[in-house]
Amino acid sequence: MEKLEVLTDAAKYDVACTSSGVDRPAVPGRLGSAVKAGICHSFAADGRCISLLKVLLSNDCAFDCAYCVNRRTADSPRATFTPEELCRLTIEFYRRNYIEGLFLSSAVVKNPDYTCELMLQTLRMLREKEKFWGYVHVKAIPGADPLLTQRLGFYADRMSVNIELPSQKSLSLLAPQKSKEKILKPMGQIRDGIQENAHDLAVYRGAPRFVPAGQSTQMIIGATPESDRQILNLTEGLYKKYSLKRVFFSAYMPVVENSSLLPARSTPPPLLREHRLYQADWLLRFYGFAAGEILDDAHPDFNPLLDPKCNWAVNHMEHFPLEINKAPYEMLLRVPGIGVKSAMRIRSARRYCQLDFEGLKKLGVVLKRARYFITCKGKSISPLPMDNPAVIAGAISERGFAQNAASLQSWQGEAFSAPEQLSLFAPTPVDKVQRLTGQI
C-alpha cells in the first residue's frame, strides 16, 4: 500500500487517459472486457479520468529531466513494484469494481531495456496467467530495443510515446538524456506495426492484434516558451505523419524550486491555455480546420476570451452570414454553435423542407452563438450588425468570460486550491467532487 500511494501519486502528471477505443466482449474463461466507448466514467476536479488504475511501475528514475518530479536528483520517496505485485493489485482492484483497466507507465529504471522488460513481464502475467481481458494502456519507453516495444504492443490495447516538450531545443535544455529521434523512432515503429497488423488480420482472422486502439502522445504546456502556434503545428504534423488517435496536453504544474529554466513555484498552471489547445485539437480532427487557419504569424497565441472556432469566425466575417438551407456541410461545421451532429442533422433535414430558426433549435444548434453568423430563408435574427466583428466578438465572449470566471472562482475554494488528479488516497469530500464534475 505504501508503494501504491507513492506510485499512483507520481503518475498523476500523465494525462493520456481516454475512452478505450477498442471493442472486446467478455468470453468464458477470461476476466473483464473492453468497450469502445467505455472507461471514462469518473473524473477528477480538473477533468482527468481516474477510472483506470493509473500507476507507475517505478519512480526511481535514472534520467534527470529538470521539469519532472521523478527526476534522479529530486528529493522524493522512491518505490518500485515487482511485476507480481502490480499484476495482483490490478486484478484485485478490478474484482472490487474500483477500476476498468490499467494505465501503466514508468520512470526509466537503470536503462530503457530493463524498464521495458519489467513492464513486459507485468503485462504477460496479466494477460496469460490471470487471463485479464480488460483494457490496458502502456507507455513505450524511448530508447528501448524495438523488439521489446513490439512485444508490448501485442499485450496492450493502446500505446503511447510522450513527446513531453514541443521542440528539440527545449528537450536539449531540460531533458538532455532524451532526443527527438529517440522519441519519434518508437512512434514510427508503432504506426508501421499497426498498419502491418491490419493487413495480417485481413488475411488471417485469428492473428494476434497489435495495439488495436492505436497510439497517442502527450505534451507539457507552459514549461517552455513555445507559442501556441508552434504546438498546434506540431500536433497537426503528428496526426498526419504518425496516425495518432490523440495528442494530449498537460498544463505544467511547477514542482521545482529555484530553477532559472522553469516557471517559479508560484506560477499557476496554464489551465485555460490547455483548454484552448484541446478545443483547437478538436477542430483539427473533426471540423476540417488546418493549424494555419486557427493561428498564424500575426496571431501566434490563442485568444483567452474566445474559443478558437469563434475567434476564427469573427476574424473571417467575409464568409458570413451563411444561408443555412444552402451552405455546404464543410461551411456549416465552421459556424459557432453548430457541431458535427447538428451539421449532419441539418444536411439531412433540409432535403425534405426549408429550415427556420425554430427548426434549428430542435436540431441542437446553439442559436445564442450561431445567430450572428447565419440566415434562414434569407432572414437573420442577429441583434447586432454583421459588419462589426468586434461587437460580435464582445457579445460572444462576454457570456463565455462570465462562465469562465464563475468556474475559476469555484476552483479557488479551500478543497481545490491546487488543481491535480484525484488521488486514490485523497480526503476530498465526495459531494464536492460530484458538484464540480456536474454529477449533482
Protein backbone atom coordinates (compact mmCIF):
# COMPACT_ATOMS: atom_id res chain seq x y z
CA MET A 1 0.00 0.00 0.00
CA GLU A 2 2.90 2.36 0.64
CA LYS A 3 4.22 1.66 -2.85
CA LEU A 4 0.75 2.19 -4.28
CA GLU A 5 0.41 5.58 -2.60
CA VAL A 6 3.81 6.74 -3.89
CA LEU A 7 3.42 5.43 -7.45
CA THR A 8 -0.19 6.49 -8.11
CA ASP A 9 0.68 9.98 -6.88
CA ALA A 10 3.75 10.03 -9.14
CA ALA A 11 1.59 9.07 -12.15
CA LYS A 12 -0.83 11.98 -11.84
CA TYR A 13 1.11 14.20 -14.26
CA ASP A 14 0.44 11.82 -17.15
CA VAL A 15 -2.93 12.80 -18.62
CA ALA A 16 -3.30 10.36 -21.52
CA CYS A 17 -6.45 8.63 -20.25
CA THR A 18 -9.45 8.38 -22.52
CA SER A 19 -12.12 6.01 -23.79
CA SER A 20 -10.74 2.58 -24.60
CA GLY A 21 -11.24 2.82 -28.36
CA VAL A 22 -11.49 -0.96 -28.69
CA ASP A 23 -14.43 -3.39 -28.53
CA ARG A 24 -13.61 -6.72 -26.91
CA PRO A 25 -16.57 -8.56 -25.36
CA ALA A 26 -16.27 -10.87 -22.39
CA VAL A 27 -15.53 -14.51 -23.17
CA PRO A 28 -15.69 -17.64 -20.99
CA GLY A 29 -12.53 -18.25 -19.01
CA ARG A 30 -11.32 -14.64 -19.14
CA LEU A 31 -11.72 -11.76 -16.71
CA GLY A 32 -13.17 -8.46 -17.91
CA SER A 33 -13.92 -6.86 -21.26
CA ALA A 34 -13.26 -3.65 -23.18
CA VAL A 35 -15.99 -1.45 -24.66
CA LYS A 36 -15.09 1.14 -27.28
CA ALA A 37 -16.96 3.96 -25.53
CA GLY A 38 -16.05 2.78 -22.04
CA ILE A 39 -13.54 3.77 -19.36
CA CYS A 40 -14.39 7.48 -19.00
CA HIS A 41 -16.85 7.40 -16.10
CA SER A 42 -15.11 9.11 -13.16
CA PHE A 43 -13.24 12.39 -13.40
CA ALA A 44 -11.03 14.38 -11.11
CA ALA A 45 -11.78 18.01 -10.31
CA ASP A 46 -9.57 19.17 -13.18
CA GLY A 47 -11.26 16.85 -15.69
CA ARG A 48 -8.82 13.96 -15.72
CA CYS A 49 -10.16 10.43 -15.94
CA ILE A 50 -9.50 8.25 -12.90
CA SER A 51 -11.39 5.03 -13.78
CA LEU A 52 -8.13 3.32 -14.74
CA LEU A 53 -5.52 2.21 -12.25
CA LYS A 54 -3.05 4.84 -13.40
CA VAL A 55 0.27 3.91 -11.87
CA LEU A 56 4.00 3.88 -12.44
CA LEU A 57 5.91 0.63 -12.31
CA SER A 58 8.67 2.69 -10.68
CA ASN A 59 9.56 6.31 -9.96
CA ASP A 60 13.23 5.52 -9.34
CA CYS A 61 14.44 7.25 -12.49
CA ALA A 62 17.91 7.16 -13.99
CA PHE A 63 17.20 10.34 -16.01
CA ASP A 64 17.39 13.89 -14.67
CA CYS A 65 14.74 15.85 -16.62
CA ALA A 66 14.51 19.29 -14.99
CA TYR A 67 10.69 19.54 -15.20
CA CYS A 68 9.95 16.10 -13.74
CA VAL A 69 9.04 15.37 -10.14
CA ASN A 70 10.60 11.91 -10.51
CA ARG A 71 13.97 13.08 -11.82
CA ARG A 72 17.09 11.43 -10.42
CA THR A 73 18.16 14.39 -8.26
CA ALA A 74 14.71 15.05 -6.76
CA ASP A 75 14.33 14.54 -3.04
CA SER A 76 11.23 12.37 -3.10
CA PRO A 77 10.32 8.90 -1.80
CA ARG A 78 11.13 6.11 -4.26
CA ALA A 79 9.32 2.85 -4.90
CA THR A 80 9.26 0.07 -7.49
CA PHE A 81 6.61 -2.61 -7.96
CA THR A 82 7.55 -6.12 -8.88
CA PRO A 83 5.53 -7.45 -11.83
CA GLU A 84 3.77 -9.87 -9.46
CA GLU A 85 2.69 -7.06 -7.10
CA LEU A 86 1.33 -4.88 -9.87
CA CYS A 87 -0.48 -7.75 -11.52
CA ARG A 88 -2.11 -8.76 -8.23
CA LEU A 89 -3.19 -5.17 -7.49
CA THR A 90 -4.77 -4.78 -10.91
CA ILE A 91 -6.77 -8.00 -10.62
CA GLU A 92 -7.91 -7.32 -7.05
CA PHE A 93 -8.95 -3.73 -7.86
CA TYR A 94 -10.85 -4.96 -10.91
CA ARG A 95 -12.68 -7.62 -8.90
CA ARG A 96 -13.74 -4.92 -6.41
CA ASN A 97 -15.04 -2.76 -9.28
CA TYR A 98 -12.60 0.04 -8.43
CA ILE A 99 -11.21 0.18 -11.96
CA GLU A 100 -11.96 -0.86 -15.54
CA GLY A 101 -8.41 -1.24 -16.75
CA LEU A 102 -4.74 -0.45 -16.29
CA PHE A 103 -2.71 2.55 -17.40
CA LEU A 104 0.93 1.56 -16.94
CA SER A 105 3.87 3.91 -17.23
CA SER A 106 7.26 4.04 -15.57
CA ALA A 107 10.33 6.08 -14.88
CA VAL A 108 13.49 4.72 -16.51
CA VAL A 109 14.83 2.13 -14.07
CA LYS A 110 18.55 1.52 -14.75
CA ASN A 111 18.07 1.78 -18.52
CA PRO A 112 15.20 1.69 -21.09
CA ASP A 113 15.61 -2.02 -21.90
CA TYR A 114 15.47 -3.12 -18.25
CA THR A 115 12.37 -0.97 -17.65
CA CYS A 116 10.67 -2.30 -20.75
CA GLU A 117 11.37 -5.90 -19.72
CA LEU A 118 9.72 -5.32 -16.31
CA MET A 119 6.64 -3.83 -17.99
CA LEU A 120 6.54 -6.74 -20.43
CA GLN A 121 6.66 -9.26 -17.57
CA THR A 122 3.75 -7.46 -15.89
CA LEU A 123 1.55 -7.49 -18.98
CA ARG A 124 2.43 -11.05 -19.89
CA MET A 125 1.46 -12.18 -16.40
CA LEU A 126 -1.75 -10.15 -16.52
CA ARG A 127 -2.86 -11.45 -19.91
CA GLU A 128 -1.58 -15.05 -19.88
CA LYS A 129 -1.60 -16.11 -16.23
CA GLU A 130 -4.56 -14.09 -14.90
CA LYS A 131 -6.45 -14.14 -18.25
CA PHE A 132 -7.24 -10.41 -17.92
CA TRP A 133 -9.37 -9.34 -20.89
CA GLY A 134 -9.86 -5.70 -19.88
CA TYR A 135 -8.33 -2.50 -21.23
CA VAL A 136 -4.58 -1.88 -20.93
CA HIS A 137 -2.74 1.29 -21.94
CA VAL A 138 1.04 1.11 -21.72
CA LYS A 139 3.75 3.69 -22.25
CA ALA A 140 6.53 2.78 -24.63
CA ILE A 141 9.99 3.66 -23.34
CA PRO A 142 12.05 5.73 -25.83
CA GLY A 143 15.45 4.15 -26.39
CA ALA A 144 14.32 0.59 -25.65
CA ASP A 145 15.04 -2.27 -28.04
CA PRO A 146 12.43 -2.28 -30.86
CA LEU A 147 11.72 -5.97 -30.24
CA LEU A 148 10.63 -5.19 -26.66
CA THR A 149 8.36 -2.39 -27.92
CA GLN A 150 6.83 -4.78 -30.44
CA ARG A 151 6.13 -7.41 -27.78
CA LEU A 152 4.49 -4.81 -25.55
CA GLY A 153 2.20 -3.87 -28.43
CA PHE A 154 0.74 -7.38 -28.65
CA TYR A 155 -0.33 -7.25 -24.98
CA ALA A 156 -1.63 -3.65 -24.91
CA ASP A 157 -4.80 -2.09 -26.31
CA ARG A 158 -3.22 1.34 -26.66
CA MET A 159 0.38 2.53 -26.54
CA SER A 160 1.81 6.00 -26.26
CA VAL A 161 5.19 7.66 -26.52
CA ASN A 162 5.34 11.01 -24.77
CA ILE A 163 6.75 13.93 -26.78
CA GLU A 164 6.98 15.77 -23.42
CA LEU A 165 8.34 19.08 -24.77
CA PRO A 166 7.34 20.72 -28.07
CA SER A 167 10.82 21.29 -29.55
CA GLN A 168 14.27 19.74 -29.74
CA LYS A 169 15.74 22.93 -28.24
CA SER A 170 13.60 22.56 -25.11
CA LEU A 171 14.42 18.86 -24.84
CA SER A 172 18.14 19.59 -25.08
CA LEU A 173 17.86 22.23 -22.37
CA LEU A 174 15.59 20.45 -19.87
CA ALA A 175 15.95 16.75 -20.74
CA PRO A 176 19.43 16.21 -22.19
CA GLN A 177 19.12 12.41 -21.97
CA LYS A 178 16.16 12.48 -24.34
CA SER A 179 16.07 13.44 -28.01
CA LYS A 180 13.59 13.94 -30.79
CA GLU A 181 14.96 10.91 -32.67
CA LYS A 182 14.61 8.54 -29.68
CA ILE A 183 11.01 9.65 -29.17
CA LEU A 184 9.88 9.54 -32.80
CA LYS A 185 11.54 6.18 -33.61
CA PRO A 186 9.18 4.03 -31.46
CA MET A 187 6.27 6.20 -32.59
CA GLY A 188 7.06 5.29 -36.20
CA GLN A 189 7.52 1.64 -35.24
CA ILE A 190 4.09 1.50 -33.60
CA ARG A 191 2.48 3.18 -36.64
CA ASP A 192 4.08 0.67 -39.00
CA GLY A 193 3.18 -2.23 -36.72
CA ILE A 194 -0.49 -1.21 -36.69
CA GLN A 195 -0.56 -0.98 -40.48
CA GLU A 196 1.11 -4.37 -40.93
CA ASN A 197 -1.21 -5.94 -38.36
CA ALA A 198 -4.28 -4.61 -40.22
CA HIS A 199 -3.05 -6.46 -43.31
CA ASP A 200 -2.42 -9.64 -41.32
CA LEU A 201 -5.91 -9.52 -39.81
CA ALA A 202 -7.44 -9.12 -43.25
CA VAL A 203 -5.78 -12.39 -44.32
CA TYR A 204 -5.76 -14.33 -41.02
CA ARG A 205 -8.73 -13.62 -38.74
CA GLY A 206 -7.05 -15.31 -35.80
CA ALA A 207 -3.85 -13.24 -35.96
CA PRO A 208 -2.88 -11.53 -32.67
CA ARG A 209 -3.84 -7.86 -32.53
CA PHE A 210 -1.16 -5.19 -32.27
CA VAL A 211 -2.21 -2.02 -30.39
CA PRO A 212 -5.84 -2.24 -31.64
CA ALA A 213 -6.84 1.09 -30.05
CA GLY A 214 -3.96 3.00 -31.69
CA GLN A 215 -1.33 5.25 -30.17
CA SER A 216 -1.28 8.66 -28.52
CA THR A 217 1.20 11.14 -27.05
CA GLN A 218 1.41 13.95 -24.52
CA MET A 219 2.98 17.41 -24.47
CA ILE A 220 3.69 19.56 -21.43
CA ILE A 221 2.34 23.09 -21.88
CA GLY A 222 3.80 26.14 -20.17
CA ALA A 223 7.18 24.82 -19.04
CA THR A 224 8.95 26.19 -22.14
CA PRO A 225 8.48 29.33 -24.27
CA GLU A 226 6.97 27.76 -27.44
CA SER A 227 3.93 29.59 -28.80
CA ASP A 228 0.51 28.03 -29.21
CA ARG A 229 1.04 28.11 -32.97
CA GLN A 230 4.23 26.00 -32.70
CA ILE A 231 2.44 23.48 -30.51
CA LEU A 232 -0.58 23.29 -32.81
CA ASN A 233 1.58 22.88 -35.93
CA LEU A 234 3.46 20.03 -34.22
CA THR A 235 0.14 18.46 -33.24
CA GLU A 236 -1.12 18.57 -36.83
CA GLY A 237 2.14 17.07 -38.09
CA LEU A 238 1.93 14.20 -35.58
CA TYR A 239 -1.60 13.35 -36.66
CA LYS A 240 -0.64 13.29 -40.32
CA LYS A 241 2.69 11.51 -40.09
CA TYR A 242 2.11 9.03 -37.26
CA SER A 243 -1.68 8.49 -37.47
CA LEU A 244 -2.15 9.21 -33.76
CA LYS A 245 -5.52 8.75 -32.12
CA ARG A 246 -4.98 11.63 -29.71
CA VAL A 247 -2.48 14.27 -28.71
CA PHE A 248 -2.90 15.14 -25.04
CA PHE A 249 -1.85 18.42 -23.46
CA SER A 250 -0.79 18.77 -19.84
CA ALA A 251 -0.60 22.18 -18.18
CA TYR A 252 2.76 22.36 -16.41
CA MET A 253 2.44 22.41 -12.64
CA PRO A 254 5.66 23.85 -11.17
CA VAL A 255 7.33 21.28 -8.95
CA VAL A 256 10.93 22.52 -8.96
CA GLU A 257 12.29 25.09 -6.52
CA ASN A 258 14.66 27.85 -7.65
CA SER A 259 15.18 26.79 -11.27
CA SER A 260 16.10 29.52 -13.74
CA LEU A 261 14.98 27.27 -16.60
CA LEU A 262 11.40 26.78 -15.41
CA PRO A 263 8.47 28.89 -14.15
CA ALA A 264 8.54 29.77 -10.45
CA ARG A 265 6.67 27.57 -7.98
CA SER A 266 4.13 30.36 -7.50
CA THR A 267 3.20 30.36 -11.20
CA PRO A 268 -0.33 28.95 -11.68
CA PRO A 269 -0.70 26.12 -14.22
CA PRO A 270 -1.96 27.43 -17.61
CA LEU A 271 -5.25 25.54 -17.50
CA LEU A 272 -7.07 27.90 -19.88
CA ARG A 273 -4.28 27.51 -22.42
CA GLU A 274 -4.52 23.74 -22.10
CA HIS A 275 -8.29 24.01 -22.64
CA ARG A 276 -7.85 26.13 -25.79
CA LEU A 277 -5.40 23.58 -27.20
CA TYR A 278 -7.93 20.80 -26.68
CA GLN A 279 -10.58 22.89 -28.44
CA ALA A 280 -8.22 23.51 -31.36
CA ASP A 281 -7.28 19.82 -31.43
CA TRP A 282 -10.98 19.02 -31.83
CA LEU A 283 -11.18 21.42 -34.79
CA LEU A 284 -8.22 19.67 -36.44
CA ARG A 285 -9.70 16.20 -36.02
CA PHE A 286 -13.41 16.70 -36.66
CA TYR A 287 -14.10 20.11 -38.20
CA GLY A 288 -11.78 20.23 -41.19
CA PHE A 289 -9.59 23.08 -39.93
CA ALA A 290 -5.88 23.34 -40.62
CA ALA A 291 -3.46 24.60 -37.97
CA GLY A 292 -2.56 27.56 -40.20
CA GLU A 293 -6.19 28.71 -40.21
CA ILE A 294 -6.56 28.66 -36.44
CA LEU A 295 -3.31 30.52 -35.64
CA ASP A 296 -0.87 32.40 -37.86
CA ASP A 297 2.22 34.62 -37.65
CA ALA A 298 0.13 37.64 -36.71
CA HIS A 299 -1.75 35.69 -34.02
CA PRO A 300 0.64 33.04 -32.60
CA ASP A 301 -1.35 32.53 -29.38
CA PHE A 302 -4.98 31.81 -28.55
CA ASN A 303 -7.50 34.48 -27.61
CA PRO A 304 -8.19 33.97 -23.89
CA LEU A 305 -11.77 35.26 -24.21
CA LEU A 306 -12.89 33.39 -27.33
CA ASP A 307 -12.69 29.72 -28.20
CA PRO A 308 -10.69 29.01 -31.40
CA LYS A 309 -13.75 28.41 -33.58
CA CYS A 310 -15.47 31.65 -32.54
CA ASN A 311 -12.20 33.51 -32.89
CA TRP A 312 -11.80 32.24 -36.48
CA ALA A 313 -15.38 33.18 -37.33
CA VAL A 314 -15.22 36.78 -36.11
CA ASN A 315 -11.91 37.25 -37.95
CA HIS A 316 -13.40 35.91 -41.21
CA MET A 317 -16.76 37.62 -41.44
CA GLU A 318 -16.37 37.65 -45.24
CA HIS A 319 -17.76 34.08 -45.14
CA PHE A 320 -20.87 35.13 -43.24
CA PRO A 321 -23.85 35.33 -42.96
CA LEU A 322 -24.34 31.79 -44.16
CA GLU A 323 -27.69 30.71 -45.58
CA ILE A 324 -28.44 27.59 -43.60
CA ASN A 325 -30.55 25.94 -46.29
CA LYS A 326 -27.86 26.17 -48.97
CA ALA A 327 -24.47 26.21 -47.25
CA PRO A 328 -22.16 23.23 -47.86
CA TYR A 329 -21.58 20.85 -44.98
CA GLU A 330 -17.93 21.94 -44.67
CA MET A 331 -19.03 25.53 -44.00
CA LEU A 332 -21.77 24.51 -41.58
CA LEU A 333 -19.04 22.99 -39.41
CA ARG A 334 -17.36 26.39 -39.19
CA VAL A 335 -20.37 28.20 -37.74
CA PRO A 336 -20.07 28.78 -33.97
CA GLY A 337 -22.87 26.93 -32.24
CA ILE A 338 -23.10 24.18 -34.87
CA GLY A 339 -21.34 20.92 -34.05
CA VAL A 340 -20.73 17.79 -36.07
CA LYS A 341 -24.01 16.12 -35.09
CA SER A 342 -26.16 19.21 -35.65
CA ALA A 343 -24.45 19.86 -39.02
CA MET A 344 -25.28 16.29 -40.11
CA ARG A 345 -28.89 16.75 -38.94
CA ILE A 346 -29.17 20.00 -40.90
CA ARG A 347 -27.81 18.37 -44.04
CA SER A 348 -30.30 15.54 -43.71
CA ALA A 349 -33.37 17.62 -42.72
CA ARG A 350 -33.08 20.26 -45.46
CA ARG A 351 -33.52 17.59 -48.12
CA TYR A 352 -37.17 17.49 -47.13
CA CYS A 353 -38.01 21.03 -46.01
CA GLN A 354 -36.77 24.60 -45.63
CA LEU A 355 -35.37 25.06 -42.14
CA ASP A 356 -36.23 28.00 -39.91
CA PHE A 357 -34.68 29.12 -36.64
CA GLU A 358 -37.13 27.14 -34.52
CA GLY A 359 -36.25 24.03 -36.51
CA LEU A 360 -32.52 24.67 -36.00
CA LYS A 361 -33.05 24.87 -32.26
CA LYS A 362 -34.75 21.46 -32.30
CA LEU A 363 -31.80 20.05 -34.26
CA GLY A 364 -29.39 21.04 -31.49
CA VAL A 365 -27.97 24.31 -32.86
CA VAL A 366 -26.88 26.79 -30.15
CA LEU A 367 -28.61 29.88 -31.53
CA LYS A 368 -27.14 32.18 -28.89
CA ARG A 369 -23.88 31.85 -30.84
CA ALA A 370 -24.99 30.83 -34.31
CA ARG A 371 -27.47 33.70 -34.82
CA TYR A 372 -24.66 36.14 -35.52
CA PHE A 373 -23.41 34.09 -38.49
CA ILE A 374 -26.44 32.57 -40.23
CA THR A 375 -29.66 33.33 -42.04
CA CYS A 376 -32.73 31.12 -42.61
CA LYS A 377 -34.72 31.70 -45.80
CA GLY A 378 -32.79 34.94 -46.20
CA LYS A 379 -33.74 36.27 -42.75
CA SER A 380 -31.48 36.98 -39.79
CA ILE A 381 -32.22 37.16 -36.06
CA SER A 382 -28.89 38.70 -35.15
CA PRO A 383 -29.40 41.58 -32.69
CA LEU A 384 -26.13 43.13 -33.89
CA PRO A 385 -24.94 44.38 -37.29
CA MET A 386 -22.80 41.76 -39.02
CA ASP A 387 -20.38 44.33 -40.41
CA ASN A 388 -18.81 44.92 -36.99
CA PRO A 389 -16.85 41.82 -35.92
CA ALA A 390 -15.51 43.48 -32.77
CA VAL A 391 -19.04 43.98 -31.42
CA ILE A 392 -19.97 40.38 -32.20
CA ALA A 393 -16.77 39.14 -30.55
CA GLY A 394 -17.63 41.13 -27.44
CA ALA A 395 -21.17 39.76 -27.35
CA ILE A 396 -19.96 36.15 -27.60
CA SER A 397 -17.01 36.46 -25.25
CA GLU A 398 -18.89 38.34 -22.54
CA ARG A 399 -21.09 35.35 -21.79
CA GLY A 400 -18.20 32.87 -22.08
CA PHE A 401 -15.94 35.01 -19.91
CA ALA A 402 -18.58 35.26 -17.21
CA GLN A 403 -18.92 31.48 -17.14
CA ASN A 404 -15.14 31.03 -17.06
CA ALA A 405 -14.86 33.50 -14.21
CA ALA A 406 -17.51 31.63 -12.21
CA SER A 407 -15.75 28.32 -12.86
CA LEU A 408 -12.41 29.80 -11.87
CA GLN A 409 -13.90 31.06 -8.62
CA SER A 410 -15.15 27.56 -7.79
CA TRP A 411 -11.62 26.17 -8.33
CA GLN A 412 -10.22 28.52 -5.72
CA GLY A 413 -12.09 27.04 -2.76
CA GLU A 414 -10.22 25.50 0.14
CA ALA A 415 -10.68 21.92 -1.09
CA PHE A 416 -9.26 22.64 -4.54
CA SER A 417 -6.62 25.28 -4.01
CA ALA A 418 -4.24 23.43 -6.36
CA PRO A 419 -5.66 21.54 -9.37
CA GLU A 420 -4.42 17.98 -9.56
CA GLN A 421 -5.56 14.47 -10.36
CA LEU A 422 -7.89 12.95 -7.80
CA SER A 423 -5.79 10.57 -5.72
CA LEU A 424 -6.83 7.12 -4.58
CA PHE A 425 -5.96 8.38 -1.11
CA ALA A 426 -7.34 11.95 -1.28
CA PRO A 427 -9.57 13.05 1.63
CA THR A 428 -11.71 15.19 -0.72
CA PRO A 429 -15.44 15.09 0.19
CA VAL A 430 -17.44 13.13 -2.38
CA ASP A 431 -20.21 15.70 -2.65
CA LYS A 432 -17.74 18.44 -3.68
CA VAL A 433 -16.22 16.21 -6.36
CA GLN A 434 -19.69 15.42 -7.69
CA ARG A 435 -20.68 19.07 -7.67
CA LEU A 436 -17.64 20.17 -9.63
CA THR A 437 -17.96 17.33 -12.13
CA GLY A 438 -21.63 18.02 -12.75
CA GLN A 439 -22.95 14.78 -11.23
CA ILE A 440 -25.19 16.71 -8.80
